[in-house]
Structure formats: structure tokens, C-alpha cells
Protein backbone atom coordinates (compact mmCIF):
# COMPACT_ATOMS: atom_id res chain seq x y z
CA MET A 1 -0.22 0.09 0.17
CA GLU A 2 3.02 2.04 0.39
CA VAL A 3 3.49 1.94 -3.13
CA VAL A 4 0.43 3.12 -4.17
CA GLY A 5 1.12 6.53 -2.41
CA ILE A 6 4.49 7.09 -3.49
CA ILE A 7 3.15 6.63 -7.15
CA ILE A 8 -0.24 9.05 -6.32
CA THR A 9 2.63 11.73 -5.19
CA GLY A 10 4.95 11.34 -8.12
CA LEU A 11 2.27 11.59 -10.18
CA SER A 12 0.51 14.82 -8.78
CA ILE A 13 4.24 15.77 -9.22
CA LEU A 14 4.63 14.95 -12.52
CA ILE A 15 1.12 16.49 -13.64
CA SER A 16 1.47 19.69 -11.85
CA ILE A 17 5.34 20.22 -14.01
CA TYR A 18 3.34 19.26 -16.98
CA ILE A 19 0.66 21.79 -16.73
CA VAL A 20 3.15 24.45 -16.12
CA SER A 21 5.52 23.61 -18.72
CA THR A 22 2.59 23.44 -21.30
CA LEU A 23 1.67 26.60 -20.19
CA SER A 24 4.56 28.50 -20.40
CA VAL A 25 5.30 27.04 -24.26
CA LYS A 26 1.85 28.26 -24.76
CA LEU A 27 1.95 31.85 -23.37
CA ARG A 28 5.31 32.40 -24.76
CA PHE A 29 4.25 32.54 -28.01
CA GLN A 30 0.74 34.37 -27.72
CA GLU A 31 -0.20 37.81 -29.05
CA TYR A 32 -1.62 40.33 -26.73
CA ASP A 33 -3.16 43.29 -27.66
CA LYS A 34 -1.16 46.41 -28.31
CA THR A 35 -3.10 49.14 -26.57
CA LEU A 36 -3.04 47.83 -23.08
CA THR A 37 -1.78 49.40 -20.34
CA ASN A 38 -2.57 47.25 -17.80
CA LEU A 39 -0.19 44.07 -17.74
CA THR A 40 -1.69 41.32 -15.93
CA LEU A 41 -0.64 37.73 -15.77
CA PRO A 42 -3.00 35.43 -17.38
CA SER A 43 -5.82 33.85 -15.64
CA SER A 44 -4.56 30.24 -16.85
CA ILE A 45 -1.63 30.68 -13.99
CA PHE A 46 -4.21 31.09 -11.52
CA VAL A 47 -5.54 28.36 -12.85
CA THR A 48 -2.65 26.15 -12.29
CA GLY A 49 -2.28 27.15 -9.03
CA LEU A 50 -5.30 26.11 -8.34
CA ILE A 51 -5.40 22.40 -9.66
CA GLY A 52 -2.08 22.14 -7.76
CA PHE A 53 -3.42 23.11 -4.44
CA ILE A 54 -6.51 21.00 -4.86
CA LEU A 55 -4.71 18.06 -6.10
CA CYS A 56 -1.92 18.27 -3.57
CA THR A 57 -4.09 18.87 -0.62
CA SER A 58 -6.90 15.83 -1.37
CA VAL A 59 -3.46 13.69 -2.00
CA ALA A 60 -2.45 14.56 1.43
CA LEU A 61 -5.74 14.62 3.19
CA CYS A 62 -6.16 11.37 1.37
CA LEU A 63 -3.07 10.15 3.04
CA ILE A 64 -3.69 11.58 6.84
CA PHE A 65 -7.04 10.09 7.14
CA PHE A 66 -7.10 6.07 5.02
CA LYS A 67 -2.93 5.38 5.69
CA GLN A 68 -2.20 6.20 9.41
CA GLU A 69 1.63 5.29 9.20
CA GLU A 70 4.26 7.18 9.97
CA GLU A 71 5.61 7.61 6.19
CA HIS A 72 2.57 8.45 4.92
CA LEU A 73 2.56 11.09 7.46
CA PHE A 74 5.80 12.34 6.05
CA ILE A 75 4.52 12.29 2.60
CA ALA A 76 1.40 14.32 3.50
CA ILE A 77 3.53 16.90 5.19
CA LEU A 78 5.71 17.07 2.27
CA LEU A 79 2.38 17.57 0.02
CA PHE A 80 0.93 20.31 1.78
CA LEU A 81 4.51 22.36 1.54
CA ILE A 82 3.82 22.05 -1.56
CA SER A 83 0.11 23.10 -1.88
CA ILE A 84 1.75 26.23 0.14
CA LEU A 85 3.71 27.08 -3.23
CA TYR A 86 0.91 26.70 -5.09
CA VAL A 87 -1.18 29.27 -3.05
CA TRP A 88 1.74 31.61 -3.60
CA LEU A 89 1.28 31.31 -7.19
CA MET A 90 -2.20 31.97 -6.91
CA MET A 91 -1.25 35.32 -4.95
CA TYR A 92 1.16 35.75 -7.67
CA SER A 93 -0.82 35.88 -10.38
CA LEU A 94 -4.12 37.67 -8.97
CA ASN A 95 -2.04 40.15 -7.55
CA TRP A 96 1.02 40.94 -9.70
CA ARG A 97 0.58 44.20 -12.37
CA ILE A 98 2.19 46.30 -13.54
CA ILE A 99 0.10 50.13 -14.84
CA ILE A 100 1.85 51.54 -18.12
CA LYS A 101 1.21 55.42 -17.72
CA LYS A 102 2.36 58.17 -20.15
CA ASP A 103 5.94 59.53 -17.67
CA SER A 104 5.50 56.55 -15.23
CA PHE A 105 4.75 53.13 -14.16
CA THR A 106 2.74 51.60 -11.06
CA PHE A 107 4.23 48.27 -9.85
CA ARG A 108 2.15 45.83 -7.69
CA ASN A 109 3.50 42.86 -6.37
CA SER A 110 2.16 39.52 -5.15
CA LEU A 111 1.45 41.09 -1.53
CA ARG A 112 -0.24 44.27 -3.40
CA ILE A 113 1.97 46.28 -2.67
CA SER A 114 2.18 49.25 -4.82
CA LYS A 115 4.37 52.06 -5.82
CA GLU A 116 5.03 54.57 -8.80
CA TYR A 117 8.33 54.61 -10.43
CA SER A 118 9.52 57.22 -13.35
CA TYR A 119 11.03 55.97 -16.38
CA SER A 120 13.87 58.05 -15.26
CA ASP A 121 14.39 55.60 -11.96
CA ILE A 122 15.36 52.94 -14.37
CA VAL A 123 19.20 52.33 -14.34
CA LYS A 124 19.25 49.30 -16.11
CA ILE A 125 17.28 47.08 -18.76
CA LYS A 126 18.51 43.62 -18.93
CA ARG A 127 17.20 40.79 -20.79
CA ILE A 128 16.12 37.46 -19.25
CA LYS A 129 17.30 34.56 -21.13
CA ILE A 130 14.35 32.60 -20.80
CA GLY A 131 12.02 35.47 -22.07
CA GLY A 132 11.02 38.85 -20.85
CA PHE A 133 13.60 41.46 -19.05
CA ARG A 134 14.60 42.86 -15.26
CA LEU A 135 13.88 46.46 -14.68
CA TYR A 136 16.97 47.60 -12.37
CA LEU A 137 15.94 50.76 -10.33
CA LYS A 138 17.80 53.40 -8.58
CA ASN A 139 16.56 52.71 -5.17
CA GLY A 140 18.99 48.93 -5.47
CA LYS A 141 15.13 47.59 -6.44
CA ASN A 142 14.40 45.22 -9.58
CA ILE A 143 11.38 44.08 -11.10
CA ALA A 144 11.07 40.90 -13.24
CA VAL A 145 8.90 41.21 -16.38
CA ASP A 146 8.28 37.26 -17.44
CA PHE A 147 7.59 36.74 -21.17
CA TYR A 148 3.84 35.59 -20.18
CA VAL A 149 3.09 38.84 -19.26
CA LYS A 150 0.08 40.50 -20.97
CA GLY A 151 1.28 43.24 -22.65
CA ILE A 152 4.80 42.87 -22.10
CA ASP A 153 5.76 44.31 -25.89
CA ASN A 154 3.94 47.69 -25.08
CA LEU A 155 6.61 48.53 -21.87
CA TRP A 156 9.15 47.23 -23.67
CA ASP A 157 8.56 49.27 -27.03
CA ILE A 158 8.11 52.54 -24.36
CA LEU A 159 11.45 51.50 -22.51
CA LYS A 160 13.09 50.35 -25.76
CA MET A 161 12.00 54.60 -27.07
CA ARG A 162 13.58 55.80 -24.05
CA PHE A 163 16.67 53.53 -23.76
């Protein structure tokens, strides 16, 4: 019976990895509206986090309530820790945002902390190898804009003209 728990755990992790990688490939080559000024993450990232959270917590709860052995409890705790990562993914997809304005942009992180930056606050822009770019600001902070953000091309065009 312990083999079943290991197989279920491995399958849930593999399914999660497959979903995330498939979505990232799909989102990388998707075209977006060039008039977007509100850059957000696609809703499919939230759905991925929700599915992963449901899978991990349901398997963990099944292991806790139906398998009362010590090694199953260890696997259940591990799955609960993985489900915390999926909760962060859901928070990230719901809260992360950049609002483009004429002379500035407002950045909101995954904890819903917003701050407005002028384009002159940007010290350096570095392209990321897997796609997207990172903005380095005067105050020492940096903002990563991933390739799957809706409207990334709009921000990149503005930054290209200014730098």
C-alpha cells in the first residue's frame, strides 16, 4: 500500500510540472493587444495554481485520514508544503500588475504593495535568457517582467524608445 502513496505523489508532481511547462510554452508565443496599459498575468496561471493546490491537498488529506502510517504522514506534510507554493502562485497571478502611464508606471507585487516609478528611475534593463526582462531601479530594487505577462511588448516598446 505504501507504493500506491508514492505513485500518487509522483503522479501529482509530474502532472503539475507538465501543466506549468505546457502553459509556459503556449503563453510564450501568444500575441496580445498592443493597446494594453494594464499588464497582468494570464488567468491560466491562477488555474494552474488552483489545480495544483487541490491535487496536493486532497492527496495529502487522503494519506492522513486513510493511511495512518508514519511514512504516509511524512509524504502528506511534504505535499502540504508543496501546496503552499501553489497558494503563492495563485496570489502572484491575482495581485502582480504593472500599469503603464505616459511618464511613469505603477508596479504592484504579489503582496499587493504598489509603488509608482518614473521611467527616469530605471538605471538598467537586462533581458532574461528564457524571455522577458528585469528592470533595475535607482533605489536598488529590481522588477522582473516575465515573457507571459499580457502586454509585455507594450512596456518593452516604451522602454526601448527611452533607453
